[in-house]
C-alpha atoms as a PDB file:
ATOM      1  CA  UNK A   1      20.037  79.826  42.321  1.00  0.00           C
ATOM      2  CA  UNK A   2      21.801  81.309  45.663  1.00  0.00           C
ATOM      3  CA  UNK A   3      25.286  81.425  44.234  1.00  0.00           C
ATOM      4  CA  UNK A   4      28.326  82.648  46.474  1.00  0.00           C
ATOM      5  CA  UNK A   5      30.716  83.661  43.711  1.00  0.00           C
ATOM      6  CA  UNK A   6      33.605  83.894  46.353  1.00  0.00           C
ATOM      7  CA  UNK A   7      33.150  79.896  46.761  1.00  0.00           C
ATOM      8  CA  UNK A   8      31.835  78.680  43.382  1.00  0.00           C
ATOM      9  CA  UNK A   9      32.400  78.916  39.897  1.00  0.00           C
ATOM     10  CA  UNK A  10      29.335  78.214  38.048  1.00  0.00           C
ATOM     11  CA  UNK A  11      28.046  78.708  34.314  1.00  0.00           C
ATOM     12  CA  UNK A  12      24.567  78.046  32.913  1.00  0.00           C
ATOM     13  CA  UNK A  13      24.503  75.617  29.884  1.00  0.00           C
ATOM     14  CA  UNK A  14      21.838  74.807  27.208  1.00  0.00           C
ATOM     15  CA  UNK A  15      22.621  70.970  27.067  1.00  0.00           C
ATOM     16  CA  UNK A  16      21.124  68.235  29.442  1.00  0.00           C
ATOM     17  CA  UNK A  17      22.827  67.280  32.535  1.00  0.00           C
ATOM     18  CA  UNK A  18      23.695  64.143  31.110  1.00  0.00           C
ATOM     19  CA  UNK A  19      25.212  65.629  28.229  1.00  0.00           C
ATOM     20  CA  UNK A  20      27.132  68.148  30.412  1.00  0.00           C
ATOM     21  CA  UNK A  21      28.191  65.132  32.168  1.00  0.00           C
ATOM     22  CA  UNK A  22      29.194  63.038  28.734  1.00  0.00           C
ATOM     23  CA  UNK A  23      31.187  65.657  27.335  1.00  0.00           C
ATOM     24  CA  UNK A  24      33.236  66.615  30.504  1.00  0.00           C
ATOM     25  CA  UNK A  25      34.036  62.771  30.886  1.00  0.00           C
ATOM     26  CA  UNK A  26      35.254  63.007  27.386  1.00  0.00           C
ATOM     27  CA  UNK A  27      37.363  66.088  27.934  1.00  0.00           C
ATOM     28  CA  UNK A  28      39.017  64.526  31.097  1.00  0.00           C
ATOM     29  CA  UNK A  29      39.802  60.962  28.895  1.00  0.00           C
ATOM     30  CA  UNK A  30      41.176  63.202  26.301  1.00  0.00           C
ATOM     31  CA  UNK A  31      43.318  65.217  28.555  1.00  0.00           C
ATOM     32  CA  UNK A  32      44.334  61.841  30.440  1.00  0.00           C
ATOM     33  CA  UNK A  33      43.138  63.505  33.974  1.00  0.00           C
ATOM     34  CA  UNK A  34      41.761  60.101  35.837  1.00  0.00           C
ATOM     35  CA  UNK A  35      38.018  59.895  36.952  1.00  0.00           C
ATOM     36  CA  UNK A  36      37.670  58.379  40.160  1.00  0.00           C
ATOM     37  CA  UNK A  37      34.190  58.550  40.512  1.00  0.00           C
ATOM     38  CA  UNK A  38      30.873  59.678  38.734  1.00  0.00           C
ATOM     39  CA  UNK A  39      27.823  60.223  41.859  1.00  0.00           C
ATOM     40  CA  UNK A  40      24.460  60.307  40.206  1.00  0.00           C
ATOM     41  CA  UNK A  41      22.297  61.691  43.273  1.00  0.00           C
ATOM     42  CA  UNK A  42      18.975  61.791  41.155  1.00  0.00           C
ATOM     43  CA  UNK A  43      19.598  58.002  40.359  1.00  0.00           C
ATOM     44  CA  UNK A  44      20.238  57.299  44.159  1.00  0.00           C
ATOM     45  CA  UNK A  45      17.462  59.543  45.257  1.00  0.00           C
ATOM     46  CA  UNK A  46      15.350  56.595  43.705  1.00  0.00           C
ATOM     47  CA  UNK A  47      16.569  53.988  45.299  1.00  0.00           C
ATOM     48  CA  UNK A  48      15.415  55.475  48.398  1.00  0.00           C
ATOM     49  CA  UNK A  49      11.982  55.829  46.875  1.00  0.00           C
ATOM     50  CA  UNK A  50      12.908  59.866  46.469  1.00  0.00           C
ATOM     51  CA  UNK A  51      12.761  61.978  43.240  1.00  0.00           C
ATOM     52  CA  UNK A  52      15.201  65.010  42.728  1.00  0.00           C
ATOM     53  CA  UNK A  53      16.062  67.095  39.592  1.00  0.00           C
ATOM     54  CA  UNK A  54      19.231  65.450  37.913  1.00  0.00           C
ATOM     55  CA  UNK A  55      22.656  65.814  39.449  1.00  0.00           C
ATOM     56  CA  UNK A  56      25.642  64.721  38.955  1.00  0.00           C
ATOM     57  CA  UNK A  57      29.063  64.844  40.225  1.00  0.00           C
ATOM     58  CA  UNK A  58      32.277  63.942  38.559  1.00  0.00           C
ATOM     59  CA  UNK A  59      34.940  63.497  40.948  1.00  0.00           C
ATOM     60  CA  UNK A  60      38.652  63.430  39.425  1.00  0.00           C
ATOM     61  CA  UNK A  61      42.226  64.536  39.862  1.00  0.00           C
ATOM     62  CA  UNK A  62      46.107  63.896  39.573  1.00  0.00           C
ATOM     63  CA  UNK A  63      47.362  61.993  42.420  1.00  0.00           C
ATOM     64  CA  UNK A  64      50.709  63.733  41.780  1.00  0.00           C
ATOM     65  CA  UNK A  65      49.650  67.134  42.469  1.00  0.00           C
ATOM     66  CA  UNK A  66      47.213  66.468  45.085  1.00  0.00           C
ATOM     67  CA  UNK A  67      49.517  64.644  47.451  1.00  0.00           C
ATOM     68  CA  UNK A  68      51.757  67.689  47.189  1.00  0.00           C
ATOM     69  CA  UNK A  69      49.143  69.765  49.008  1.00  0.00           C
ATOM     70  CA  UNK A  70      48.236  66.925  51.536  1.00  0.00           C
ATOM     71  CA  UNK A  71      51.968  66.944  52.334  1.00  0.00           C
ATOM     72  CA  UNK A  72      51.338  70.505  53.559  1.00  0.00           C
ATOM     73  CA  UNK A  73      48.115  69.793  55.514  1.00  0.00           C
ATOM     74  CA  UNK A  74      46.527  66.399  55.426  1.00  0.00           C
ATOM     75  CA  UNK A  75      43.112  67.879  55.911  1.00  0.00           C
ATOM     76  CA  UNK A  76      43.018  69.432  52.493  1.00  0.00           C
ATOM     77  CA  UNK A  77      41.841  65.841  51.660  1.00  0.00           C
ATOM     78  CA  UNK A  78      38.410  66.953  52.755  1.00  0.00           C
ATOM     79  CA  UNK A  79      38.502  68.999  49.538  1.00  0.00           C
ATOM     80  CA  UNK A  80      40.276  66.727  47.362  1.00  0.00           C
ATOM     81  CA  UNK A  81      40.158  65.278  44.588  1.00  0.00           C
ATOM     82  CA  UNK A  82      38.373  67.925  42.791  1.00  0.00           C
ATOM     83  CA  UNK A  83      34.872  67.894  41.890  1.00  0.00           C
ATOM     84  CA  UNK A  84      32.596  69.424  39.381  1.00  0.00           C
ATOM     85  CA  UNK A  85      28.681  69.014  39.721  1.00  0.00           C
ATOM     86  CA  UNK A  86      26.079  69.259  37.202  1.00  0.00           C
ATOM     87  CA  UNK A  87      22.592  70.190  37.822  1.00  0.00           C
ATOM     88  CA  UNK A  88      19.233  71.114  36.512  1.00  0.00           C
ATOM     89  CA  UNK A  89      17.252  73.767  38.544  1.00  0.00           C
ATOM     90  CA  UNK A  90      14.767  75.974  37.347  1.00  0.00           C
ATOM     91  CA  UNK A  91      14.560  74.442  33.782  1.00  0.00           C
ATOM     92  CA  UNK A  92      18.462  75.133  33.371  1.00  0.00           C
ATOM     93  CA  UNK A  93      21.519  73.273  33.568  1.00  0.00           C
ATOM     94  CA  UNK A  94      24.161  74.244  35.773  1.00  0.00           C
ATOM     95  CA  UNK A  95      27.682  73.252  35.463  1.00  0.00           C
ATOM     96  CA  UNK A  96      30.093  74.601  38.820  1.00  0.00           C
ATOM     97  CA  UNK A  97      33.254  73.790  41.102  1.00  0.00           C
ATOM     98  CA  UNK A  98      34.342  75.233  44.232  1.00  0.00           C
ATOM     99  CA  UNK A  99      36.887  78.081  43.862  1.00  0.00           C
ATOM    100  CA  UNK A 100      40.351  76.561  45.071  1.00  0.00           C
ATOM    101  CA  UNK A 101      42.341  79.561  46.148  1.00  0.00           C
ATOM    102  CA  UNK A 102      40.429  80.348  49.548  1.00  0.00           C
ATOM    103  CA  UNK A 103      41.932  76.856  50.601  1.00  0.00           C
ATOM    104  CA  UNK A 104      45.491  78.190  50.763  1.00  0.00           C
ATOM    105  CA  UNK A 105      44.311  80.381  53.476  1.00  0.00           C
ATOM    106  CA  UNK A 106      41.932  77.736  55.122  1.00  0.00           C
ATOM    107  CA  UNK A 107      44.388  75.013  55.310  1.00  0.00           C
ATOM    108  CA  UNK A 108      47.606  77.321  55.395  1.00  0.00           C
ATOM    109  CA  UNK A 109      48.698  76.209  52.179  1.00  0.00           C
ATOM    110  CA  UNK A 110      52.032  77.524  50.968  1.00  0.00           C
ATOM    111  CA  UNK A 111      52.037  76.305  47.210  1.00  0.00           C
ATOM    112  CA  UNK A 112      49.336  78.773  46.087  1.00  0.00           C
ATOM    113  CA  UNK A 113      50.798  78.314  42.714  1.00  0.00           C
ATOM    114  CA  UNK A 114      49.632  74.611  42.758  1.00  0.00           C
ATOM    115  CA  UNK A 115      46.176  75.836  43.852  1.00  0.00           C
ATOM    116  CA  UNK A 116      46.001  78.651  41.220  1.00  0.00           C
ATOM    117  CA  UNK A 117      46.748  75.932  38.172  1.00  0.00           C
ATOM    118  CA  UNK A 118      44.134  73.729  39.503  1.00  0.00           C
ATOM    119  CA  UNK A 119      41.235  76.340  40.066  1.00  0.00           C
ATOM    120  CA  UNK A 120      42.791  77.742  36.281  1.00  0.00           C
ATOM    121  CA  UNK A 121      41.871  73.818  35.165  1.00  0.00           C
ATOM    122  CA  UNK A 122      38.534  73.396  37.232  1.00  0.00           C
ATOM    123  CA  UNK A 123      37.228  76.873  35.837  1.00  0.00           C
ATOM    124  CA  UNK A 124      38.300  75.901  32.307  1.00  0.00           C
ATOM    125  CA  UNK A 125      36.625  72.530  32.229  1.00  0.00           C
ATOM    126  CA  UNK A 126      33.415  74.146  33.752  1.00  0.00           C
ATOM    127  CA  UNK A 127      33.534  76.929  31.119  1.00  0.00           C
ATOM    128  CA  UNK A 128      33.940  74.319  28.086  1.00  0.00           C
ATOM    129  CA  UNK A 129      31.172  71.431  29.597  1.00  0.00           C
ATOM    130  CA  UNK A 130      28.532  74.519  30.047  1.00  0.00           C
ATOM    131  CA  UNK A 131      29.739  76.352  26.724  1.00  0.00           C
ATOM    132  CA  UNK A 132      29.960  73.266  24.292  1.00  0.00           C
ATOM    133  CA  UNK A 133      28.430  73.961  20.803  1.00  0.00           C
ATOM    134  CA  UNK A 134      24.477  74.037  21.042  1.00  0.00           C
ATOM    135  CA  UNK A 135      24.745  71.039  18.115  1.00  0.00           C
ATOM    136  CA  UNK A 136      26.490  68.709  20.450  1.00  0.00           C
ATOM    137  CA  UNK A 137      23.399  68.702  23.456  1.00  0.00           C
END
């Protein structure tokens, strides 16, 4: 997998895509972080007669935080809510998110501390999801 470490935070997991997705959803629920959508691209591909490896994207966030950023520059709405992608590639499961600090420069955001906190959160969620105990897989 080609990975742009400046733009993506990626971890490999020994668990399946579905197990990782289930784990992440449970963590978000326990932390009371709203889940806005779950996209199962593999299942969607089947509806048009195509096949692809399992790929799930979970979309989540906190409107009170994201709104602050959008009030600074509405165009950052293209990046929000937050997303974590989980996919199978080369017989491995990958869990990834976008790095968020580069958004400060791209969108002229002054609230860099908010982006820093959001980046720490999504990276922690990626790490927790990818590194969950093998016994849970």
